[in-house]
Structure formats: C-alpha cells, structure tokens
Amino acid sequence: MITYEVIVRYVFLAPTTWAEEISEFFQIWATYLAAAYVLKHNDLIRITFLLDRAGPGLRRLLEAVSLLAIAVFCLVAIWYGMDILLESIEQHRYTATILGVPKWATESAIPLGAFMLLMQALVRFVRLFDGSNADLGRRDPFGLMPR
C-alpha cells in the first residue's frame, strides 16, 4: 500500500487519503497476531549463551522461566489493553485523519494478540513437561547446532 501511495503521489501527483492509515492498521494487526505464530515456531529472538551450555534439566527450567515471563507480560498487556479498548469504545474515539477510523479497531489488536500469545505460551509450557517437546525449546532448521 505504501508503494502504491508513493507511485500515485509522486508519479501521478494524486495522493490518496487512505493508504498510510490502512497500512498502519495492517501493520499493527500483523505485529500483534504474529507474536503467537512466532512463539509456536520458536522463532522469538533469544540469547542462547546459557541454553547452549546447559543440560536438559536446566534447559527445561530456563525455558519454563522464559515462558512464565511471556505469560506475565501477556496478562499485563491484556489488562491494560482491555482498559484502553473499553475506554475508547465508551468515548467514541476516532483517528484524527480524514477516514476517522474508530480507535477500537486498532486498539483491539493488543489484547487479542496478547491473549493468543498467552495461549501459545501455556501450550508450550504444558508440552515442556509432558514430554512432547523433545527439543526443549531449540530450533535448528539448518542442522548447524551441536546436539
């Protein structure tokens, strides 16, 4: 959408009134919804200095602590995100652009995305201790990491 906006603005001298706001809307939603997907595939950015040197028991403990930290973050994001969302709905807030999109349309991405991330963290936490997570939180798509 931004490429389209650049072309119509600078080549055809006919800027749009919607491209920037809609691209921001999609970017916000994609970011918050992608977090659960990224955790599911164990692609979150992490520092593996300790994990690479730890045995299976310590690795499982470190993974559990990391998942609990994610869960706490999600609970805080859900709590405050819902507060902001409900306030936006009550006060009928809209964006200050020509489109006047209701603010709840973007603000709802935060509690929903945090809830999905929380659910994925809980699934990974359970799998960590029921034996179905054999790699203990490691992902090595290219086979480069030592086992």
Protein backbone atom coordinates (compact mmCIF):
# COMPACT_ATOMS: atom_id res chain seq x y z
CA MET A 1 0.00 0.00 0.00
CA ILE A 2 2.86 2.37 0.75
CA THR A 3 4.44 1.59 -2.63
CA TYR A 4 1.11 2.36 -4.26
CA GLU A 5 0.92 5.63 -2.31
CA VAL A 6 4.43 6.66 -3.35
CA ILE A 7 3.71 5.94 -7.01
CA VAL A 8 0.38 7.78 -7.15
CA ARG A 9 1.70 10.68 -5.08
CA TYR A 10 5.00 11.33 -6.85
CA VAL A 11 4.40 9.94 -10.34
CA PHE A 12 0.75 10.84 -10.91
CA LEU A 13 0.56 13.72 -8.39
CA ALA A 14 -2.65 12.24 -6.94
CA PRO A 15 -2.09 11.22 -3.32
CA THR A 16 -4.60 9.01 -1.55
CA THR A 17 -6.32 9.78 1.72
CA TRP A 18 -6.32 6.20 2.95
CA ALA A 19 -3.09 4.33 2.11
CA GLU A 20 -0.98 5.42 5.07
CA GLU A 21 -3.65 4.83 7.70
CA ILE A 22 -4.72 1.47 6.32
CA SER A 23 -1.10 0.29 6.07
CA GLU A 24 -0.56 1.29 9.72
CA PHE A 25 -3.73 -0.58 10.65
CA PHE A 26 -2.50 -3.75 8.93
CA GLN A 27 0.98 -3.39 10.40
CA ILE A 28 -0.39 -3.15 13.95
CA TRP A 29 -2.63 -6.17 13.50
CA ALA A 30 0.09 -8.22 11.79
CA THR A 31 2.56 -7.47 14.56
CA TYR A 32 0.29 -8.49 17.42
CA LEU A 33 -1.18 -11.52 15.68
CA ALA A 34 2.23 -12.76 14.53
CA ALA A 35 3.63 -12.99 18.07
CA ALA A 36 1.78 -16.25 18.84
CA TYR A 37 2.81 -17.74 15.50
CA VAL A 38 6.44 -16.80 16.10
CA LEU A 39 6.39 -18.40 19.56
CA LYS A 40 4.74 -21.52 18.16
CA HIS A 41 7.66 -21.95 15.76
CA ASN A 42 10.19 -20.97 18.45
CA ASP A 43 11.49 -18.05 16.40
CA LEU A 44 11.48 -15.38 19.08
CA ILE A 45 14.75 -13.53 19.46
CA ARG A 46 16.67 -15.10 22.30
CA ILE A 47 20.13 -15.17 23.76
CA THR A 48 21.18 -18.82 23.81
CA PHE A 49 24.51 -18.49 25.60
CA LEU A 50 23.21 -20.33 28.68
CA LEU A 51 20.90 -22.69 26.79
CA ASP A 52 23.73 -23.95 24.60
CA ARG A 53 25.80 -24.87 27.66
CA ALA A 54 23.00 -26.23 29.85
CA GLY A 55 21.96 -29.79 30.33
CA PRO A 56 18.41 -30.93 29.63
CA GLY A 57 17.13 -30.20 33.15
CA LEU A 58 18.49 -26.64 33.31
CA ARG A 59 17.40 -26.02 29.72
CA ARG A 60 13.85 -27.06 30.63
CA LEU A 61 13.92 -24.78 33.69
CA LEU A 62 15.21 -21.79 31.70
CA GLU A 63 12.58 -22.38 29.03
CA ALA A 64 9.87 -22.54 31.72
CA VAL A 65 11.05 -19.26 33.28
CA SER A 66 11.07 -17.63 29.85
CA LEU A 67 7.52 -18.84 29.12
CA LEU A 68 6.33 -17.60 32.52
CA ALA A 69 7.84 -14.17 31.80
CA ILE A 70 5.98 -14.11 28.46
CA ALA A 71 2.76 -15.10 30.25
CA VAL A 72 3.13 -12.31 32.84
CA PHE A 73 3.78 -9.79 30.05
CA CYS A 74 0.68 -11.03 28.23
CA LEU A 75 -1.52 -10.70 31.32
CA VAL A 76 -0.36 -7.10 31.81
CA ALA A 77 -0.91 -6.31 28.11
CA ILE A 78 -4.38 -7.86 28.19
CA TRP A 79 -5.34 -5.98 31.36
CA TYR A 80 -4.21 -2.54 30.18
CA GLY A 81 -5.14 -3.20 26.56
CA MET A 82 -8.72 -4.02 27.54
CA ASP A 83 -8.87 -0.92 29.73
CA ILE A 84 -7.77 1.28 26.82
CA LEU A 85 -10.08 -0.53 24.39
CA LEU A 86 -13.17 -0.17 26.59
CA GLU A 87 -12.39 3.49 27.26
CA SER A 88 -12.09 4.06 23.51
CA ILE A 89 -15.46 2.44 22.89
CA GLU A 90 -17.11 4.44 25.71
CA GLN A 91 -15.71 7.76 24.50
CA HIS A 92 -16.27 7.03 20.79
CA ARG A 93 -12.68 7.89 19.89
CA TYR A 94 -11.68 8.04 16.23
CA THR A 95 -8.41 8.64 14.42
CA ALA A 96 -7.60 12.25 13.59
CA THR A 97 -7.46 11.57 9.87
CA ILE A 98 -9.89 12.08 7.05
CA LEU A 99 -11.00 8.44 7.33
CA GLY A 100 -11.91 8.78 11.00
CA VAL A 101 -11.44 5.08 11.77
CA PRO A 102 -12.70 4.10 15.25
CA LYS A 103 -9.71 3.72 17.58
CA TRP A 104 -11.04 0.42 18.93
CA ALA A 105 -10.35 -1.14 15.52
CA THR A 106 -6.61 -0.87 16.08
CA GLU A 107 -6.57 -0.96 19.88
CA SER A 108 -8.32 -4.34 19.96
CA ALA A 109 -5.24 -5.90 18.34
CA ILE A 110 -3.28 -5.55 21.59
CA PRO A 111 -5.45 -7.58 23.98
CA LEU A 112 -6.36 -10.10 21.27
CA GLY A 113 -2.74 -10.61 20.20
CA ALA A 114 -1.60 -10.81 23.83
CA PHE A 115 -4.31 -13.38 24.55
CA MET A 116 -3.22 -15.52 21.60
CA LEU A 117 0.42 -15.24 22.71
CA LEU A 118 -0.59 -16.21 26.25
CA MET A 119 -2.41 -19.30 24.97
CA GLN A 120 0.61 -20.32 22.90
CA ALA A 121 2.94 -19.81 25.89
CA LEU A 122 0.67 -22.01 28.01
CA VAL A 123 0.63 -24.72 25.33
CA ARG A 124 4.44 -24.64 25.14
CA PHE A 125 4.68 -24.69 28.94
CA VAL A 126 2.49 -27.81 29.17
CA ARG A 127 4.41 -29.51 26.35
CA LEU A 128 7.67 -28.69 28.08
CA PHE A 129 6.75 -31.02 30.94
CA ASP A 130 4.61 -33.69 29.25
CA GLY A 131 7.43 -35.00 27.05
CA SER A 132 6.05 -33.81 23.71
CA ASN A 133 8.70 -31.07 23.41
CA ALA A 134 11.79 -33.18 22.81
CA ASP A 135 13.98 -30.31 21.59
CA LEU A 136 13.48 -28.34 24.84
CA GLY A 137 12.98 -25.06 23.07
CA ARG A 138 15.70 -25.32 20.45
CA ARG A 139 15.09 -24.87 16.78
CA ASP A 140 17.79 -25.53 14.24
CA PRO A 141 16.37 -25.60 10.72
CA PHE A 142 19.80 -25.93 9.09
CA GLY A 143 21.27 -28.61 11.38
CA LEU A 144 24.13 -26.34 12.49
CA MET A 145 23.75 -26.55 16.27
CA PRO A 146 25.50 -29.34 18.18
CA ARG A 147 23.20 -31.76 19.96
